[in-house]
Amino acid sequence: VYEETAREKLKELLTRQTELKRQVSEAEEVWMEALEAIENAEIDL
């Protein structure tokens, strides 16, 4: 994938990797917020 003939493929893969990392980061943030809400709800019980 690092050969000259595969430059476009490499560019696509790196772009996709960046997007996937962003999505994982967002999902982790949502997960942590949900976990915090659950913990707070348990404290209120």
PDB file of all heavy atoms in Angstrom:
ATOM      1  N   VAL A   1       0.821  -1.197   0.000  1.00  0.00           N
ATOM      2  CA  VAL A   1       0.000   0.000   0.000  1.00  0.00           C
ATOM      3  C   VAL A   1       0.869   1.266   0.000  1.00  0.00           C
ATOM      4  O   VAL A   1       0.385   2.352  -0.309  1.00  0.00           O
ATOM      5  CB  VAL A   1      -1.005  -0.020   1.170  1.00  0.00           C
ATOM      6  CG1 VAL A   1      -0.373   0.409   2.467  1.00  0.00           C
ATOM      7  CG2 VAL A   1      -2.197   0.845   0.871  1.00  0.00           C
ATOM      8  N   TYR A   2       2.152   1.120   0.309  1.00  0.00           N
ATOM      9  CA  TYR A   2       3.057   2.271   0.358  1.00  0.00           C
ATOM     10  C   TYR A   2       3.844   2.465  -0.935  1.00  0.00           C
ATOM     11  O   TYR A   2       4.661   3.376  -1.024  1.00  0.00           O
ATOM     12  CB  TYR A   2       4.001   2.145   1.551  1.00  0.00           C
ATOM     13  CG  TYR A   2       3.240   2.182   2.859  1.00  0.00           C
ATOM     14  CD1 TYR A   2       2.833   1.006   3.485  1.00  0.00           C
ATOM     15  CD2 TYR A   2       2.874   3.385   3.429  1.00  0.00           C
ATOM     16  CE1 TYR A   2       2.101   1.038   4.664  1.00  0.00           C
ATOM     17  CE2 TYR A   2       2.144   3.434   4.610  1.00  0.00           C
ATOM     18  CZ  TYR A   2       1.759   2.255   5.216  1.00  0.00           C
ATOM     19  OH  TYR A   2       1.028   2.290   6.374  1.00  0.00           O
ATOM     20  N   GLU A   3       3.568   1.617  -1.910  1.00  0.00           N
ATOM     21  CA  GLU A   3       4.234   1.767  -3.198  1.00  0.00           C
ATOM     22  C   GLU A   3       3.612   2.919  -3.980  1.00  0.00           C
ATOM     23  O   GLU A   3       2.462   3.300  -3.758  1.00  0.00           O
ATOM     24  CB  GLU A   3       4.144   0.467  -3.999  1.00  0.00           C
ATOM     25  CG  GLU A   3       4.971  -0.643  -3.367  1.00  0.00           C
ATOM     26  CD  GLU A   3       5.000  -1.891  -4.213  1.00  0.00           C
ATOM     27  OE1 GLU A   3       4.392  -1.921  -5.301  1.00  0.00           O
ATOM     28  OE2 GLU A   3       5.626  -2.858  -3.760  1.00  0.00           O
ATOM     29  N   GLU A   4       4.373   3.459  -4.883  1.00  0.00           N
ATOM     30  CA  GLU A   4       3.938   4.615  -5.684  1.00  0.00           C
ATOM     31  C   GLU A   4       2.606   4.355  -6.392  1.00  0.00           C
ATOM     32  O   GLU A   4       1.759   5.241  -6.471  1.00  0.00           O
ATOM     33  CB  GLU A   4       5.022   4.951  -6.716  1.00  0.00           C
ATOM     34  CG  GLU A   4       4.774   6.224  -7.483  1.00  0.00           C
ATOM     35  CD  GLU A   4       4.898   7.470  -6.625  1.00  0.00           C
ATOM     36  OE1 GLU A   4       5.712   7.476  -5.698  1.00  0.00           O
ATOM     37  OE2 GLU A   4       4.154   8.434  -6.898  1.00  0.00           O
ATOM     38  N   THR A   5       2.422   3.147  -6.859  1.00  0.00           N
ATOM     39  CA  THR A   5       1.207   2.813  -7.612  1.00  0.00           C
ATOM     40  C   THR A   5      -0.038   2.744  -6.725  1.00  0.00           C
ATOM     41  O   THR A   5      -1.157   2.717  -7.237  1.00  0.00           O
ATOM     42  CB  THR A   5       1.373   1.461  -8.333  1.00  0.00           C
ATOM     43  OG1 THR A   5       1.717   0.463  -7.376  1.00  0.00           O
ATOM     44  CG2 THR A   5       2.448   1.546  -9.402  1.00  0.00           C
ATOM     45  N   ALA A   6       0.154   2.734  -5.420  1.00  0.00           N
ATOM     46  CA  ALA A   6      -0.985   2.605  -4.507  1.00  0.00           C
ATOM     47  C   ALA A   6      -1.235   3.890  -3.711  1.00  0.00           C
ATOM     48  O   ALA A   6      -1.895   3.864  -2.680  1.00  0.00           O
ATOM     49  CB  ALA A   6      -0.748   1.439  -3.562  1.00  0.00           C
ATOM     50  N   ARG A   7      -0.739   4.999  -4.194  1.00  0.00           N
ATOM     51  CA  ARG A   7      -0.871   6.274  -3.458  1.00  0.00           C
ATOM     52  C   ARG A   7      -2.327   6.611  -3.136  1.00  0.00           C
ATOM     53  O   ARG A   7      -2.639   7.014  -2.028  1.00  0.00           O
ATOM     54  CB  ARG A   7      -0.265   7.418  -4.257  1.00  0.00           C
ATOM     55  CG  ARG A   7       1.217   7.380  -4.325  1.00  0.00           C
ATOM     56  CD  ARG A   7       1.786   8.393  -3.376  1.00  0.00           C
ATOM     57  NE  ARG A   7       3.211   8.464  -3.610  1.00  0.00           N
ATOM     58  CZ  ARG A   7       4.084   8.550  -2.652  1.00  0.00           C
ATOM     59  NH1 ARG A   7       3.681   8.592  -1.420  1.00  0.00           N
ATOM     60  NH2 ARG A   7       5.357   8.599  -2.923  1.00  0.00           N
ATOM     61  N   GLU A   8      -3.207   6.451  -4.101  1.00  0.00           N
ATOM     62  CA  GLU A   8      -4.627   6.775  -3.876  1.00  0.00           C
ATOM     63  C   GLU A   8      -5.242   5.851  -2.835  1.00  0.00           C
ATOM     64  O   GLU A   8      -6.011   6.283  -1.993  1.00  0.00           O
ATOM     65  CB  GLU A   8      -5.425   6.716  -5.185  1.00  0.00           C
ATOM     66  CG  GLU A   8      -5.352   7.976  -6.010  1.00  0.00           C
ATOM     67  CD  GLU A   8      -5.794   9.225  -5.246  1.00  0.00           C
ATOM     68  OE1 GLU A   8      -6.902   9.230  -4.661  1.00  0.00           O
ATOM     69  OE2 GLU A   8      -5.033  10.196  -5.233  1.00  0.00           O
ATOM     70  N   LYS A   9      -4.905   4.582  -2.917  1.00  0.00           N
ATOM     71  CA  LYS A   9      -5.411   3.615  -1.943  1.00  0.00           C
ATOM     72  C   LYS A   9      -4.929   3.986  -0.540  1.00  0.00           C
ATOM     73  O   LYS A   9      -5.708   3.963   0.426  1.00  0.00           O
ATOM     74  CB  LYS A   9      -4.962   2.198  -2.315  1.00  0.00           C
ATOM     75  CG  LYS A   9      -5.448   1.129  -1.387  1.00  0.00           C
ATOM     76  CD  LYS A   9      -6.942   0.967  -1.475  1.00  0.00           C
ATOM     77  CE  LYS A   9      -7.406  -0.206  -0.660  1.00  0.00           C
ATOM     78  NZ  LYS A   9      -8.853  -0.356  -0.666  1.00  0.00           N
ATOM     79  N   LEU A  10      -3.660   4.349  -0.416  1.00  0.00           N
ATOM     80  CA  LEU A  10      -3.115   4.750   0.876  1.00  0.00           C
ATOM     81  C   LEU A  10      -3.843   5.989   1.399  1.00  0.00           C
ATOM     82  O   LEU A  10      -4.217   6.048   2.568  1.00  0.00           O
ATOM     83  CB  LEU A  10      -1.620   5.027   0.766  1.00  0.00           C
ATOM     84  CG  LEU A  10      -0.934   5.536   2.032  1.00  0.00           C
ATOM     85  CD1 LEU A  10      -1.094   4.542   3.181  1.00  0.00           C
ATOM     86  CD2 LEU A  10       0.524   5.832   1.758  1.00  0.00           C
ATOM     87  N   LYS A  11      -4.055   6.948   0.534  1.00  0.00           N
ATOM     88  CA  LYS A  11      -4.759   8.171   0.930  1.00  0.00           C
ATOM     89  C   LYS A  11      -6.167   7.838   1.427  1.00  0.00           C
ATOM     90  O   LYS A  11      -6.608   8.357   2.457  1.00  0.00           O
ATOM     91  CB  LYS A  11      -4.831   9.134  -0.246  1.00  0.00           C
ATOM     92  CG  LYS A  11      -5.445  10.454   0.083  1.00  0.00           C
ATOM     93  CD  LYS A  11      -5.440  11.387  -1.123  1.00  0.00           C
ATOM     94  CE  LYS A  11      -6.153  12.678  -0.799  1.00  0.00           C
ATOM     95  NZ  LYS A  11      -6.205  13.581  -1.950  1.00  0.00           N
ATOM     96  N   GLU A  12      -6.867   6.957   0.717  1.00  0.00           N
ATOM     97  CA  GLU A  12      -8.216   6.542   1.132  1.00  0.00           C
ATOM     98  C   GLU A  12      -8.186   5.838   2.486  1.00  0.00           C
ATOM     99  O   GLU A  12      -9.033   6.094   3.338  1.00  0.00           O
ATOM    100  CB  GLU A  12      -8.828   5.611   0.082  1.00  0.00           C
ATOM    101  CG  GLU A  12      -9.160   6.284  -1.229  1.00  0.00           C
ATOM    102  CD  GLU A  12      -9.550   5.288  -2.317  1.00  0.00           C
ATOM    103  OE1 GLU A  12      -9.792   4.100  -1.996  1.00  0.00           O
ATOM    104  OE2 GLU A  12      -9.600   5.702  -3.477  1.00  0.00           O
ATOM    105  N   LEU A  13      -7.218   4.951   2.666  1.00  0.00           N
ATOM    106  CA  LEU A  13      -7.111   4.221   3.924  1.00  0.00           C
ATOM    107  C   LEU A  13      -6.817   5.156   5.092  1.00  0.00           C
ATOM    108  O   LEU A  13      -7.411   5.023   6.165  1.00  0.00           O
ATOM    109  CB  LEU A  13      -6.022   3.147   3.826  1.00  0.00           C
ATOM    110  CG  LEU A  13      -6.333   1.948   2.942  1.00  0.00           C
ATOM    111  CD1 LEU A  13      -5.098   1.058   2.807  1.00  0.00           C
ATOM    112  CD2 LEU A  13      -7.501   1.147   3.496  1.00  0.00           C
ATOM    113  N   LEU A  14      -5.922   6.105   4.892  1.00  0.00           N
ATOM    114  CA  LEU A  14      -5.592   7.038   5.962  1.00  0.00           C
ATOM    115  C   LEU A  14      -6.767   7.950   6.291  1.00  0.00           C
ATOM    116  O   LEU A  14      -7.017   8.254   7.464  1.00  0.00           O
ATOM    117  CB  LEU A  14      -4.357   7.853   5.584  1.00  0.00           C
ATOM    118  CG  LEU A  14      -3.053   7.057   5.534  1.00  0.00           C
ATOM    119  CD1 LEU A  14      -1.932   7.916   4.970  1.00  0.00           C
ATOM    120  CD2 LEU A  14      -2.691   6.499   6.899  1.00  0.00           C
ATOM    121  N   THR A  15      -7.504   8.352   5.264  1.00  0.00           N
ATOM    122  CA  THR A  15      -8.696   9.165   5.491  1.00  0.00           C
ATOM    123  C   THR A  15      -9.733   8.366   6.274  1.00  0.00           C
ATOM    124  O   THR A  15     -10.331   8.864   7.227  1.00  0.00           O
ATOM    125  CB  THR A  15      -9.289   9.647   4.149  1.00  0.00           C
ATOM    126  OG1 THR A  15      -8.311  10.451   3.481  1.00  0.00           O
ATOM    127  CG2 THR A  15     -10.554  10.446   4.346  1.00  0.00           C
ATOM    128  N   ARG A  16      -9.925   7.127   5.891  1.00  0.00           N
ATOM    129  CA  ARG A  16     -10.887   6.256   6.577  1.00  0.00           C
ATOM    130  C   ARG A  16     -10.446   5.995   8.018  1.00  0.00           C
ATOM    131  O   ARG A  16     -11.261   5.999   8.939  1.00  0.00           O
ATOM    132  CB  ARG A  16     -11.044   4.941   5.804  1.00  0.00           C
ATOM    133  CG  ARG A  16     -12.050   4.012   6.388  1.00  0.00           C
ATOM    134  CD  ARG A  16     -13.460   4.539   6.223  1.00  0.00           C
ATOM    135  NE  ARG A  16     -14.403   3.580   6.771  1.00  0.00           N
ATOM    136  CZ  ARG A  16     -15.421   3.887   7.538  1.00  0.00           C
ATOM    137  NH1 ARG A  16     -15.694   5.135   7.801  1.00  0.00           N
ATOM    138  NH2 ARG A  16     -16.214   2.951   7.998  1.00  0.00           N
ATOM    139  N   GLN A  17      -9.150   5.777   8.213  1.00  0.00           N
ATOM    140  CA  GLN A  17      -8.629   5.547   9.556  1.00  0.00           C
ATOM    141  C   GLN A  17      -8.902   6.761  10.450  1.00  0.00           C
ATOM    142  O   GLN A  17      -9.329   6.613  11.597  1.00  0.00           O
ATOM    143  CB  GLN A  17      -7.132   5.264   9.505  1.00  0.00           C
ATOM    144  CG  GLN A  17      -6.529   5.004  10.866  1.00  0.00           C
ATOM    145  CD  GLN A  17      -5.029   4.905  10.828  1.00  0.00           C
ATOM    146  OE1 GLN A  17      -4.363   5.693  10.153  1.00  0.00           O
ATOM    147  NE2 GLN A  17      -4.484   3.926  11.538  1.00  0.00           N
ATOM    148  N   THR A  18      -8.678   7.939   9.924  1.00  0.00           N
ATOM    149  CA  THR A  18      -8.935   9.161  10.680  1.00  0.00           C
ATOM    150  C   THR A  18     -10.401   9.263  11.058  1.00  0.00           C
ATOM    151  O   THR A  18     -10.740   9.593  12.205  1.00  0.00           O
ATOM    152  CB  THR A  18      -8.501  10.399   9.864  1.00  0.00           C
ATOM    153  OG1 THR A  18      -7.097  10.301   9.598  1.00  0.00           O
ATOM    154  CG2 THR A  18      -8.798  11.686  10.593  1.00  0.00           C
ATOM    155  N   GLU A  19     -11.282   8.956  10.125  1.00  0.00           N
ATOM    156  CA  GLU A  19     -12.723   9.011  10.386  1.00  0.00           C
ATOM    157  C   GLU A  19     -13.121   7.977  11.433  1.00  0.00           C
ATOM    158  O   GLU A  19     -13.901   8.270  12.338  1.00  0.00           O
ATOM    159  CB  GLU A  19     -13.503   8.799   9.094  1.00  0.00           C
ATOM    160  CG  GLU A  19     -14.999   8.727   9.262  1.00  0.00           C
ATOM    161  CD  GLU A  19     -15.637   9.990   9.840  1.00  0.00           C
ATOM    162  OE1 GLU A  19     -15.013  11.064   9.802  1.00  0.00           O
ATOM    163  OE2 GLU A  19     -16.764   9.888  10.356  1.00  0.00           O
ATOM    164  N   LEU A  20     -12.588   6.783  11.335  1.00  0.00           N
ATOM    165  CA  LEU A  20     -12.909   5.738  12.311  1.00  0.00           C
ATOM    166  C   LEU A  20     -12.422   6.114  13.705  1.00  0.00           C
ATOM    167  O   LEU A  20     -13.135   5.906  14.698  1.00  0.00           O
ATOM    168  CB  LEU A  20     -12.308   4.401  11.876  1.00  0.00           C
ATOM    169  CG  LEU A  20     -12.958   3.746  10.664  1.00  0.00           C
ATOM    170  CD1 LEU A  20     -12.134   2.541  10.209  1.00  0.00           C
ATOM    171  CD2 LEU A  20     -14.387   3.343  10.954  1.00  0.00           C
ATOM    172  N   LYS A  21     -11.243   6.691  13.795  1.00  0.00           N
ATOM    173  CA  LYS A  21     -10.729   7.121  15.095  1.00  0.00           C
ATOM    174  C   LYS A  21     -11.609   8.206  15.689  1.00  0.00           C
ATOM    175  O   LYS A  21     -11.856   8.221  16.896  1.00  0.00           O
ATOM    176  CB  LYS A  21      -9.286   7.607  14.964  1.00  0.00           C
ATOM    177  CG  LYS A  21      -8.294   6.482  14.800  1.00  0.00           C
ATOM    178  CD  LYS A  21      -6.876   6.998  14.725  1.00  0.00           C
ATOM    179  CE  LYS A  21      -5.888   5.849  14.627  1.00  0.00           C
ATOM    180  NZ  LYS A  21      -4.501   6.326  14.649  1.00  0.00           N
ATOM    181  N   ARG A  22     -12.105   9.111  14.849  1.00  0.00           N
ATOM    182  CA  ARG A  22     -12.997  10.166  15.318  1.00  0.00           C
ATOM    183  C   ARG A  22     -14.295   9.558  15.847  1.00  0.00           C
ATOM    184  O   ARG A  22     -14.787   9.935  16.910  1.00  0.00           O
ATOM    185  CB  ARG A  22     -13.294  11.159  14.195  1.00  0.00           C
ATOM    186  CG  ARG A  22     -14.133  12.350  14.644  1.00  0.00           C
ATOM    187  CD  ARG A  22     -14.634  13.179  13.472  1.00  0.00           C
ATOM    188  NE  ARG A  22     -15.522  12.440  12.593  1.00  0.00           N
ATOM    189  CZ  ARG A  22     -16.803  12.155  12.875  1.00  0.00           C
ATOM    190  NH1 ARG A  22     -17.339  12.526  14.008  1.00  0.00           N
ATOM    191  NH2 ARG A  22     -17.546  11.482  12.022  1.00  0.00           N
ATOM    192  N   GLN A  23     -14.835   8.594  15.110  1.00  0.00           N
ATOM    193  CA  GLN A  23     -16.080   7.949  15.531  1.00  0.00           C
ATOM    194  C   GLN A  23     -15.901   7.190  16.840  1.00  0.00           C
ATOM    195  O   GLN A  23     -16.787   7.218  17.709  1.00  0.00           O
ATOM    196  CB  GLN A  23     -16.584   7.000  14.431  1.00  0.00           C
ATOM    197  CG  GLN A  23     -17.098   7.721  13.211  1.00  0.00           C
ATOM    198  CD  GLN A  23     -17.509   6.760  12.104  1.00  0.00           C
ATOM    199  OE1 GLN A  23     -17.405   5.547  12.225  1.00  0.00           O
ATOM    200  NE2 GLN A  23     -17.976   7.313  11.005  1.00  0.00           N
ATOM    201  N   VAL A  24     -14.781   6.515  16.994  1.00  0.00           N
ATOM    202  CA  VAL A  24     -14.512   5.788  18.236  1.00  0.00           C
ATOM    203  C   VAL A  24     -14.417   6.775  19.393  1.00  0.00           C
ATOM    204  O   VAL A  24     -14.975   6.545  20.474  1.00  0.00           O
ATOM    205  CB  VAL A  24     -13.220   4.951  18.123  1.00  0.00           C
ATOM    206  CG1 VAL A  24     -12.748   4.460  19.481  1.00  0.00           C
ATOM    207  CG2 VAL A  24     -13.422   3.781  17.180  1.00  0.00           C
ATOM    208  N   SER A  25     -13.743   7.872  19.179  1.00  0.00           N
ATOM    209  CA  SER A  25     -13.607   8.882  20.225  1.00  0.00           C
ATOM    210  C   SER A  25     -14.966   9.430  20.645  1.00  0.00           C
ATOM    211  O   SER A  25     -15.244   9.574  21.842  1.00  0.00           O
ATOM    212  CB  SER A  25     -12.707  10.011  19.731  1.00  0.00           C
ATOM    213  OG  SER A  25     -12.568  10.997  20.710  1.00  0.00           O
ATOM    214  N   GLU A  26     -15.812   9.713  19.671  1.00  0.00           N
ATOM    215  CA  GLU A  26     -17.159  10.206  19.975  1.00  0.00           C
ATOM    216  C   GLU A  26     -17.975   9.157  20.734  1.00  0.00           C
ATOM    217  O   GLU A  26     -18.677   9.481  21.693  1.00  0.00           O
ATOM    218  CB  GLU A  26     -17.894  10.607  18.697  1.00  0.00           C
ATOM    219  CG  GLU A  26     -17.381  11.879  18.074  1.00  0.00           C
ATOM    220  CD  GLU A  26     -18.097  12.243  16.785  1.00  0.00           C
ATOM    221  OE1 GLU A  26     -19.071  11.556  16.401  1.00  0.00           O
ATOM    222  OE2 GLU A  26     -17.671  13.219  16.152  1.00  0.00           O
ATOM    223  N   ALA A  27     -17.875   7.908  20.318  1.00  0.00           N
ATOM    224  CA  ALA A  27     -18.608   6.832  20.986  1.00  0.00           C
ATOM    225  C   ALA A  27     -18.128   6.657  22.423  1.00  0.00           C
ATOM    226  O   ALA A  27     -18.937   6.453  23.330  1.00  0.00           O
ATOM    227  CB  ALA A  27     -18.460   5.524  20.205  1.00  0.00           C
ATOM    228  N   GLU A  28     -16.829   6.756  22.631  1.00  0.00           N
ATOM    229  CA  GLU A  28     -16.290   6.645  23.978  1.00  0.00           C
ATOM    230  C   GLU A  28     -16.790   7.786  24.862  1.00  0.00           C
ATOM    231  O   GLU A  28     -17.096   7.588  26.040  1.00  0.00           O
ATOM    232  CB  GLU A  28     -14.765   6.627  23.945  1.00  0.00           C
ATOM    233  CG  GLU A  28     -14.194   5.328  23.424  1.00  0.00           C
ATOM    234  CD  GLU A  28     -12.681   5.360  23.256  1.00  0.00           C
ATOM    235  OE1 GLU A  28     -12.088   6.458  23.184  1.00  0.00           O
ATOM    236  OE2 GLU A  28     -12.090   4.275  23.190  1.00  0.00           O
ATOM    237  N   GLU A  29     -16.876   8.975  24.294  1.00  0.00           N
ATOM    238  CA  GLU A  29     -17.366  10.120  25.055  1.00  0.00           C
ATOM    239  C   GLU A  29     -18.830   9.924  25.466  1.00  0.00           C
ATOM    240  O   GLU A  29     -19.203  10.168  26.622  1.00  0.00           O
ATOM    241  CB  GLU A  29     -17.219  11.399  24.230  1.00  0.00           C
ATOM    242  CG  GLU A  29     -17.570  12.645  24.990  1.00  0.00           C
ATOM    243  CD  GLU A  29     -17.305  13.910  24.204  1.00  0.00           C
ATOM    244  OE1 GLU A  29     -16.405  13.926  23.347  1.00  0.00           O
ATOM    245  OE2 GLU A  29     -18.011  14.901  24.461  1.00  0.00           O
ATOM    246  N   VAL A  30     -19.645   9.452  24.523  1.00  0.00           N
ATOM    247  CA  VAL A  30     -21.053   9.180  24.825  1.00  0.00           C
ATOM    248  C   VAL A  30     -21.159   8.104  25.885  1.00  0.00           C
ATOM    249  O   VAL A  30     -21.957   8.198  26.821  1.00  0.00           O
ATOM    250  CB  VAL A  30     -21.818   8.788  23.536  1.00  0.00           C
ATOM    251  CG1 VAL A  30     -23.196   8.238  23.856  1.00  0.00           C
ATOM    252  CG2 VAL A  30     -21.913   9.979  22.594  1.00  0.00           C
ATOM    253  N   TRP A  31     -20.350   7.070  25.764  1.00  0.00           N
ATOM    254  CA  TRP A  31     -20.343   5.975  26.718  1.00  0.00           C
ATOM    255  C   TRP A  31     -19.977   6.477  28.124  1.00  0.00           C
ATOM    256  O   TRP A  31     -20.634   6.140  29.111  1.00  0.00           O
ATOM    257  CB  TRP A  31     -19.372   4.900  26.251  1.00  0.00           C
ATOM    258  CG  TRP A  31     -19.214   3.728  27.169  1.00  0.00           C
ATOM    259  CD1 TRP A  31     -20.139   3.224  28.040  1.00  0.00           C
ATOM    260  CD2 TRP A  31     -18.063   2.903  27.315  1.00  0.00           C
ATOM    261  NE1 TRP A  31     -19.620   2.124  28.705  1.00  0.00           N
ATOM    262  CE2 TRP A  31     -18.348   1.912  28.277  1.00  0.00           C
ATOM    263  CE3 TRP A  31     -16.822   2.898  26.704  1.00  0.00           C
ATOM    264  CZ2 TRP A  31     -17.427   0.947  28.648  1.00  0.00           C
ATOM    265  CZ3 TRP A  31     -15.909   1.923  27.071  1.00  0.00           C
ATOM    266  CH2 TRP A  31     -16.214   0.959  28.029  1.00  0.00           C
ATOM    267  N   MET A  32     -18.950   7.295  28.213  1.00  0.00           N
ATOM    268  CA  MET A  32     -18.525   7.810  29.510  1.00  0.00           C
ATOM    269  C   MET A  32     -19.604   8.702  30.128  1.00  0.00           C
ATOM    270  O   MET A  32     -19.843   8.650  31.336  1.00  0.00           O
ATOM    271  CB  MET A  32     -17.204   8.571  29.379  1.00  0.00           C
ATOM    272  CG  MET A  32     -16.026   7.679  29.017  1.00  0.00           C
ATOM    273  SD  MET A  32     -15.765   6.301  30.142  1.00  0.00           S
ATOM    274  CE  MET A  32     -15.253   7.157  31.598  1.00  0.00           C
ATOM    275  N   GLU A  33     -20.263   9.491  29.299  1.00  0.00           N
ATOM    276  CA  GLU A  33     -21.351  10.329  29.801  1.00  0.00           C
ATOM    277  C   GLU A  33     -22.505   9.466  30.314  1.00  0.00           C
ATOM    278  O   GLU A  33     -23.096   9.763  31.355  1.00  0.00           O
ATOM    279  CB  GLU A  33     -21.839  11.285  28.715  1.00  0.00           C
ATOM    280  CG  GLU A  33     -20.840  12.383  28.389  1.00  0.00           C
ATOM    281  CD  GLU A  33     -21.226  13.218  27.188  1.00  0.00           C
ATOM    282  OE1 GLU A  33     -22.264  12.937  26.538  1.00  0.00           O
ATOM    283  OE2 GLU A  33     -20.473  14.152  26.871  1.00  0.00           O
ATOM    284  N   ALA A  34     -22.822   8.405  29.594  1.00  0.00           N
ATOM    285  CA  ALA A  34     -23.892   7.499  30.021  1.00  0.00           C
ATOM    286  C   ALA A  34     -23.509   6.788  31.318  1.00  0.00           C
ATOM    287  O   ALA A  34     -24.335   6.644  32.225  1.00  0.00           O
ATOM    288  CB  ALA A  34     -24.191   6.487  28.919  1.00  0.00           C
ATOM    289  N   LEU A  35     -22.278   6.353  31.408  1.00  0.00           N
ATOM    290  CA  LEU A  35     -21.804   5.691  32.620  1.00  0.00           C
ATOM    291  C   LEU A  35     -21.879   6.635  33.817  1.00  0.00           C
ATOM    292  O   LEU A  35     -22.325   6.247  34.906  1.00  0.00           O
ATOM    293  CB  LEU A  35     -20.374   5.195  32.425  1.00  0.00           C
ATOM    294  CG  LEU A  35     -19.748   4.412  33.570  1.00  0.00           C
ATOM    295  CD1 LEU A  35     -20.565   3.170  33.890  1.00  0.00           C
ATOM    296  CD2 LEU A  35     -18.324   4.040  33.230  1.00  0.00           C
ATOM    297  N   GLU A  36     -21.494   7.870  33.606  1.00  0.00           N
ATOM    298  CA  GLU A  36     -21.577   8.863  34.680  1.00  0.00           C
ATOM    299  C   GLU A  36     -23.027   9.091  35.103  1.00  0.00           C
ATOM    300  O   GLU A  36     -23.323   9.189  36.296  1.00  0.00           O
ATOM    301  CB  GLU A  36     -20.952  10.179  34.218  1.00  0.00           C
ATOM    302  CG  GLU A  36     -20.892  11.229  35.302  1.00  0.00           C
ATOM    303  CD  GLU A  36     -20.215  12.507  34.845  1.00  0.00           C
ATOM    304  OE1 GLU A  36     -19.465  12.486  33.860  1.00  0.00           O
ATOM    305  OE2 GLU A  36     -20.450  13.540  35.493  1.00  0.00           O
ATOM    306  N   ALA A  37     -23.933   9.147  34.142  1.00  0.00           N
ATOM    307  CA  ALA A  37     -25.354   9.328  34.455  1.00  0.00           C
ATOM    308  C   ALA A  37     -25.884   8.142  35.253  1.00  0.00           C
ATOM    309  O   ALA A  37     -26.650   8.314  36.208  1.00  0.00           O
ATOM    310  CB  ALA A  37     -26.158   9.518  33.169  1.00  0.00           C
ATOM    311  N   ILE A  38     -25.478   6.938  34.889  1.00  0.00           N
ATOM    312  CA  ILE A  38     -25.905   5.732  35.621  1.00  0.00           C
ATOM    313  C   ILE A  38     -25.369   5.774  37.053  1.00  0.00           C
ATOM    314  O   ILE A  38     -26.098   5.504  38.004  1.00  0.00           O
ATOM    315  CB  ILE A  38     -25.437   4.450  34.892  1.00  0.00           C
ATOM    316  CG1 ILE A  38     -26.220   4.279  33.594  1.00  0.00           C
ATOM    317  CG2 ILE A  38     -25.564   3.231  35.791  1.00  0.00           C
ATOM    318  CD1 ILE A  38     -25.669   3.206  32.679  1.00  0.00           C
ATOM    319  N   GLU A  39     -24.085   6.121  37.181  1.00  0.00           N
ATOM    320  CA  GLU A  39     -23.499   6.189  38.515  1.00  0.00           C
ATOM    321  C   GLU A  39     -24.212   7.237  39.374  1.00  0.00           C
ATOM    322  O   GLU A  39     -24.473   7.011  40.555  1.00  0.00           O
ATOM    323  CB  GLU A  39     -22.016   6.479  38.419  1.00  0.00           C
ATOM    324  CG  GLU A  39     -21.215   5.298  37.884  1.00  0.00           C
ATOM    325  CD  GLU A  39     -19.761   5.644  37.598  1.00  0.00           C
ATOM    326  OE1 GLU A  39     -19.388   6.829  37.611  1.00  0.00           O
ATOM    327  OE2 GLU A  39     -18.992   4.696  37.340  1.00  0.00           O
ATOM    328  N   ASN A  40     -24.537   8.371  38.793  1.00  0.00           N
ATOM    329  CA  ASN A  40     -25.237   9.426  39.526  1.00  0.00           C
ATOM    330  C   ASN A  40     -26.637   8.968  39.908  1.00  0.00           C
ATOM    331  O   ASN A  40     -27.126   9.289  40.987  1.00  0.00           O
ATOM    332  CB  ASN A  40     -25.287  10.708  38.721  1.00  0.00           C
ATOM    333  CG  ASN A  40     -23.930  11.386  38.636  1.00  0.00           C
ATOM    334  OD1 ASN A  40     -23.069  11.184  39.485  1.00  0.00           O
ATOM    335  ND2 ASN A  40     -23.739  12.204  37.620  1.00  0.00           N
ATOM    336  N   ALA A  41     -27.289   8.232  39.030  1.00  0.00           N
ATOM    337  CA  ALA A  41     -28.634   7.726  39.317  1.00  0.00           C
ATOM    338  C   ALA A  41     -28.590   6.709  40.454  1.00  0.00           C
ATOM    339  O   ALA A  41     -29.479   6.679  41.306  1.00  0.00           O
ATOM    340  CB  ALA A  41     -29.251   7.095  38.070  1.00  0.00           C
ATOM    341  N   GLU A  42     -27.545   5.893  40.476  1.00  0.00           N
ATOM    342  CA  GLU A  42     -27.400   4.911  41.545  1.00  0.00           C
ATOM    343  C   GLU A  42     -27.184   5.603  42.894  1.00  0.00           C
ATOM    344  O   GLU A  42     -27.693   5.160  43.921  1.00  0.00           O
ATOM    345  CB  GLU A  42     -26.250   3.949  41.238  1.00  0.00           C
ATOM    346  CG  GLU A  42     -26.550   2.987  40.125  1.00  0.00           C
ATOM    347  CD  GLU A  42     -25.350   2.134  39.733  1.00  0.00           C
ATOM    348  OE1 GLU A  42     -24.211   2.438  40.138  1.00  0.00           O
ATOM    349  OE2 GLU A  42     -25.559   1.153  39.008  1.00  0.00           O
ATOM    350  N   ILE A  43     -26.436   6.687  42.889  1.00  0.00           N
ATOM    351  CA  ILE A  43     -26.187   7.446  44.120  1.00  0.00           C
ATOM    352  C   ILE A  43     -27.490   8.021  44.648  1.00  0.00           C
ATOM    353  O   ILE A  43     -27.733   8.047  45.848  1.00  0.00           O
ATOM    354  CB  ILE A  43     -25.143   8.565  43.871  1.00  0.00           C
ATOM    355  CG1 ILE A  43     -23.771   7.940  43.635  1.00  0.00           C
ATOM    356  CG2 ILE A  43     -25.118   9.540  45.039  1.00  0.00           C
ATOM    357  CD1 ILE A  43     -22.715   8.921  43.168  1.00  0.00           C
ATOM    358  N   ASP A  44     -28.363   8.474  43.738  1.00  0.00           N
ATOM    359  CA  ASP A  44     -29.635   9.078  44.121  1.00  0.00           C
ATOM    360  C   ASP A  44     -30.633   8.066  44.673  1.00  0.00           C
ATOM    361  O   ASP A  44     -31.618   8.444  45.276  1.00  0.00           O
ATOM    362  CB  ASP A  44     -30.247   9.831  42.927  1.00  0.00           C
ATOM    363  CG  ASP A  44     -29.441  11.057  42.546  1.00  0.00           C
ATOM    364  OD1 ASP A  44     -28.655  11.558  43.406  1.00  0.00           O
ATOM    365  OD2 ASP A  44     -29.598  11.541  41.409  1.00  0.00           O
ATOM    366  N   LEU A  45     -30.389   6.796  44.426  1.00  0.00           N
ATOM    367  CA  LEU A  45     -31.324   5.775  44.930  1.00  0.00           C
ATOM    368  C   LEU A  45     -31.089   5.614  46.375  1.00  0.00           C
ATOM    369  O   LEU A  45     -31.430   5.410  47.308  1.00  0.00           O
ATOM    370  CB  LEU A  45     -31.125   4.435  44.204  1.00  0.00           C
ATOM    371  CG  LEU A  45     -31.518   4.430  42.730  1.00  0.00           C
ATOM    372  CD1 LEU A  45     -31.203   3.055  42.129  1.00  0.00           C
ATOM    373  CD2 LEU A  45     -32.991   4.703  42.561  1.00  0.00           C
TER     374      LEU A  45
END
